[in-house]
């Protein structure tokens, strides 16, 4: 009985660690300029991932598609207002390697 209780505790601790690792990749949306097409977002209260599509001026919101394992699902989309995205969603942060690539010289810089 003690062994199974300890095992349950280990599973819970592992699950919490994995959630913290996932949450470390996301930060609060502080500026609407972060909401670019292709950005990955997730709800503050849930683990589902979404990819931001284009802004729809008629509906005054961003088209958002479900995203899982690197695949964007086009068969379902929702429109979420900018305010709701900033209040209730987190955006994926850039990795260090991606930031370094963005700082590389442009081909025309040496001319």
C-alpha atoms as a PDB file:
ATOM      1  CA  UNK A   1       0.000   0.000   0.000  1.00  0.00           C
ATOM      2  CA  UNK A   2       2.779   2.451   0.849  1.00  0.00           C
ATOM      3  CA  UNK A   3       4.554   1.596  -2.402  1.00  0.00           C
ATOM      4  CA  UNK A   4       1.491   2.401  -4.533  1.00  0.00           C
ATOM      5  CA  UNK A   5       0.953   5.667  -2.654  1.00  0.00           C
ATOM      6  CA  UNK A   6       4.580   6.593  -3.283  1.00  0.00           C
ATOM      7  CA  UNK A   7       4.191   5.668  -6.933  1.00  0.00           C
ATOM      8  CA  UNK A   8       1.126   7.887  -7.220  1.00  0.00           C
ATOM      9  CA  UNK A   9       3.049  10.756  -5.642  1.00  0.00           C
ATOM     10  CA  UNK A  10       5.907  10.243  -8.097  1.00  0.00           C
ATOM     11  CA  UNK A  11       3.476  10.283 -11.034  1.00  0.00           C
ATOM     12  CA  UNK A  12       1.869  13.482  -9.758  1.00  0.00           C
ATOM     13  CA  UNK A  13       5.274  15.128  -9.286  1.00  0.00           C
ATOM     14  CA  UNK A  14       6.364  14.077 -12.804  1.00  0.00           C
ATOM     15  CA  UNK A  15       3.145  15.438 -14.266  1.00  0.00           C
ATOM     16  CA  UNK A  16       3.622  18.769 -12.454  1.00  0.00           C
ATOM     17  CA  UNK A  17       7.212  18.999 -13.700  1.00  0.00           C
ATOM     18  CA  UNK A  18       6.103  18.345 -17.288  1.00  0.00           C
ATOM     19  CA  UNK A  19       3.420  21.028 -17.032  1.00  0.00           C
ATOM     20  CA  UNK A  20       5.970  23.511 -15.694  1.00  0.00           C
ATOM     21  CA  UNK A  21       8.306  22.706 -18.572  1.00  0.00           C
ATOM     22  CA  UNK A  22       5.484  23.301 -21.037  1.00  0.00           C
ATOM     23  CA  UNK A  23       4.501  26.539 -19.298  1.00  0.00           C
ATOM     24  CA  UNK A  24       8.110  27.782 -19.367  1.00  0.00           C
ATOM     25  CA  UNK A  25       7.805  27.987 -23.145  1.00  0.00           C
ATOM     26  CA  UNK A  26       4.892  30.440 -22.892  1.00  0.00           C
ATOM     27  CA  UNK A  27       4.557  34.000 -21.656  1.00  0.00           C
ATOM     28  CA  UNK A  28       1.770  36.532 -21.271  1.00  0.00           C
ATOM     29  CA  UNK A  29       0.737  38.492 -24.342  1.00  0.00           C
ATOM     30  CA  UNK A  30       1.617  42.075 -23.465  1.00  0.00           C
ATOM     31  CA  UNK A  31       1.373  43.697 -26.895  1.00  0.00           C
ATOM     32  CA  UNK A  32      -0.911  43.060 -29.862  1.00  0.00           C
ATOM     33  CA  UNK A  33       2.159  43.136 -32.138  1.00  0.00           C
ATOM     34  CA  UNK A  34       3.062  39.697 -30.737  1.00  0.00           C
ATOM     35  CA  UNK A  35      -0.058  38.283 -32.412  1.00  0.00           C
ATOM     36  CA  UNK A  36       1.466  37.496 -35.779  1.00  0.00           C
ATOM     37  CA  UNK A  37       0.252  34.860 -38.168  1.00  0.00           C
ATOM     38  CA  UNK A  38       1.801  31.517 -37.264  1.00  0.00           C
ATOM     39  CA  UNK A  39       2.348  32.284 -33.561  1.00  0.00           C
ATOM     40  CA  UNK A  40       1.512  29.423 -31.188  1.00  0.00           C
ATOM     41  CA  UNK A  41      -0.779  30.255 -28.250  1.00  0.00           C
ATOM     42  CA  UNK A  42      -2.444  28.345 -25.425  1.00  0.00           C
ATOM     43  CA  UNK A  43      -5.093  29.177 -22.881  1.00  0.00           C
ATOM     44  CA  UNK A  44      -4.011  30.114 -19.373  1.00  0.00           C
ATOM     45  CA  UNK A  45      -6.397  27.518 -17.931  1.00  0.00           C
ATOM     46  CA  UNK A  46      -6.050  24.723 -20.518  1.00  0.00           C
ATOM     47  CA  UNK A  47      -3.317  22.839 -22.359  1.00  0.00           C
ATOM     48  CA  UNK A  48      -4.706  22.972 -25.923  1.00  0.00           C
ATOM     49  CA  UNK A  49      -2.448  24.706 -28.413  1.00  0.00           C
ATOM     50  CA  UNK A  50      -3.622  26.976 -31.227  1.00  0.00           C
ATOM     51  CA  UNK A  51      -1.946  28.662 -34.166  1.00  0.00           C
ATOM     52  CA  UNK A  52      -2.859  32.270 -34.870  1.00  0.00           C
ATOM     53  CA  UNK A  53      -4.158  32.918 -38.367  1.00  0.00           C
ATOM     54  CA  UNK A  54      -4.928  36.214 -40.021  1.00  0.00           C
ATOM     55  CA  UNK A  55      -6.816  39.124 -38.479  1.00  0.00           C
ATOM     56  CA  UNK A  56     -10.437  39.393 -39.643  1.00  0.00           C
ATOM     57  CA  UNK A  57     -11.425  43.096 -39.606  1.00  0.00           C
ATOM     58  CA  UNK A  58     -15.122  42.341 -40.194  1.00  0.00           C
ATOM     59  CA  UNK A  59     -15.322  40.113 -37.116  1.00  0.00           C
ATOM     60  CA  UNK A  60     -12.736  42.193 -35.209  1.00  0.00           C
ATOM     61  CA  UNK A  61     -10.671  39.204 -34.147  1.00  0.00           C
ATOM     62  CA  UNK A  62      -7.987  36.719 -35.076  1.00  0.00           C
ATOM     63  CA  UNK A  63      -8.761  33.397 -36.739  1.00  0.00           C
ATOM     64  CA  UNK A  64      -7.267  30.667 -34.557  1.00  0.00           C
ATOM     65  CA  UNK A  65      -6.686  27.032 -35.579  1.00  0.00           C
ATOM     66  CA  UNK A  66      -6.098  23.982 -33.352  1.00  0.00           C
ATOM     67  CA  UNK A  67      -2.426  22.936 -33.358  1.00  0.00           C
ATOM     68  CA  UNK A  68      -1.022  19.602 -32.216  1.00  0.00           C
ATOM     69  CA  UNK A  69       2.320  17.846 -32.793  1.00  0.00           C
ATOM     70  CA  UNK A  70       3.375  20.402 -35.413  1.00  0.00           C
ATOM     71  CA  UNK A  71       0.152  20.076 -37.418  1.00  0.00           C
ATOM     72  CA  UNK A  72      -2.317  22.910 -37.990  1.00  0.00           C
ATOM     73  CA  UNK A  73      -5.906  21.671 -38.383  1.00  0.00           C
ATOM     74  CA  UNK A  74      -7.719  23.686 -41.059  1.00  0.00           C
ATOM     75  CA  UNK A  75     -11.066  21.894 -40.680  1.00  0.00           C
ATOM     76  CA  UNK A  76     -11.930  23.863 -37.525  1.00  0.00           C
ATOM     77  CA  UNK A  77     -11.274  27.496 -36.616  1.00  0.00           C
ATOM     78  CA  UNK A  78     -12.585  30.120 -34.244  1.00  0.00           C
ATOM     79  CA  UNK A  79     -12.325  33.896 -34.114  1.00  0.00           C
ATOM     80  CA  UNK A  80     -11.020  35.369 -30.863  1.00  0.00           C
ATOM     81  CA  UNK A  81     -10.906  39.080 -30.112  1.00  0.00           C
ATOM     82  CA  UNK A  82      -7.574  40.774 -29.443  1.00  0.00           C
ATOM     83  CA  UNK A  83      -8.634  41.665 -25.887  1.00  0.00           C
ATOM     84  CA  UNK A  84      -9.590  38.087 -25.062  1.00  0.00           C
ATOM     85  CA  UNK A  85      -6.298  36.787 -26.457  1.00  0.00           C
ATOM     86  CA  UNK A  86      -4.330  39.251 -24.344  1.00  0.00           C
ATOM     87  CA  UNK A  87      -6.341  38.490 -21.178  1.00  0.00           C
ATOM     88  CA  UNK A  88      -6.794  34.714 -21.369  1.00  0.00           C
ATOM     89  CA  UNK A  89      -4.000  33.281 -23.531  1.00  0.00           C
ATOM     90  CA  UNK A  90      -0.222  32.820 -23.435  1.00  0.00           C
ATOM     91  CA  UNK A  91       2.118  32.983 -26.430  1.00  0.00           C
ATOM     92  CA  UNK A  92       5.053  30.693 -27.150  1.00  0.00           C
ATOM     93  CA  UNK A  93       8.424  32.315 -26.582  1.00  0.00           C
ATOM     94  CA  UNK A  94      11.214  32.201 -29.119  1.00  0.00           C
ATOM     95  CA  UNK A  95      14.025  29.768 -28.538  1.00  0.00           C
ATOM     96  CA  UNK A  96      17.575  31.119 -28.199  1.00  0.00           C
ATOM     97  CA  UNK A  97      18.614  29.538 -31.515  1.00  0.00           C
ATOM     98  CA  UNK A  98      15.804  31.315 -33.361  1.00  0.00           C
ATOM     99  CA  UNK A  99      16.799  34.669 -31.843  1.00  0.00           C
ATOM    100  CA  UNK A 100      20.414  34.164 -32.949  1.00  0.00           C
ATOM    101  CA  UNK A 101      19.276  33.400 -36.511  1.00  0.00           C
ATOM    102  CA  UNK A 102      17.273  36.644 -36.591  1.00  0.00           C
ATOM    103  CA  UNK A 103      20.396  38.640 -35.679  1.00  0.00           C
ATOM    104  CA  UNK A 104      22.476  37.262 -38.586  1.00  0.00           C
ATOM    105  CA  UNK A 105      23.620  39.707 -41.221  1.00  0.00           C
ATOM    106  CA  UNK A 106      21.396  40.222 -44.232  1.00  0.00           C
ATOM    107  CA  UNK A 107      22.860  39.388 -47.654  1.00  0.00           C
ATOM    108  CA  UNK A 108      22.912  43.052 -48.668  1.00  0.00           C
ATOM    109  CA  UNK A 109      24.660  44.291 -45.492  1.00  0.00           C
ATOM    110  CA  UNK A 110      28.179  43.871 -46.896  1.00  0.00           C
ATOM    111  CA  UNK A 111      27.526  45.851 -50.066  1.00  0.00           C
END
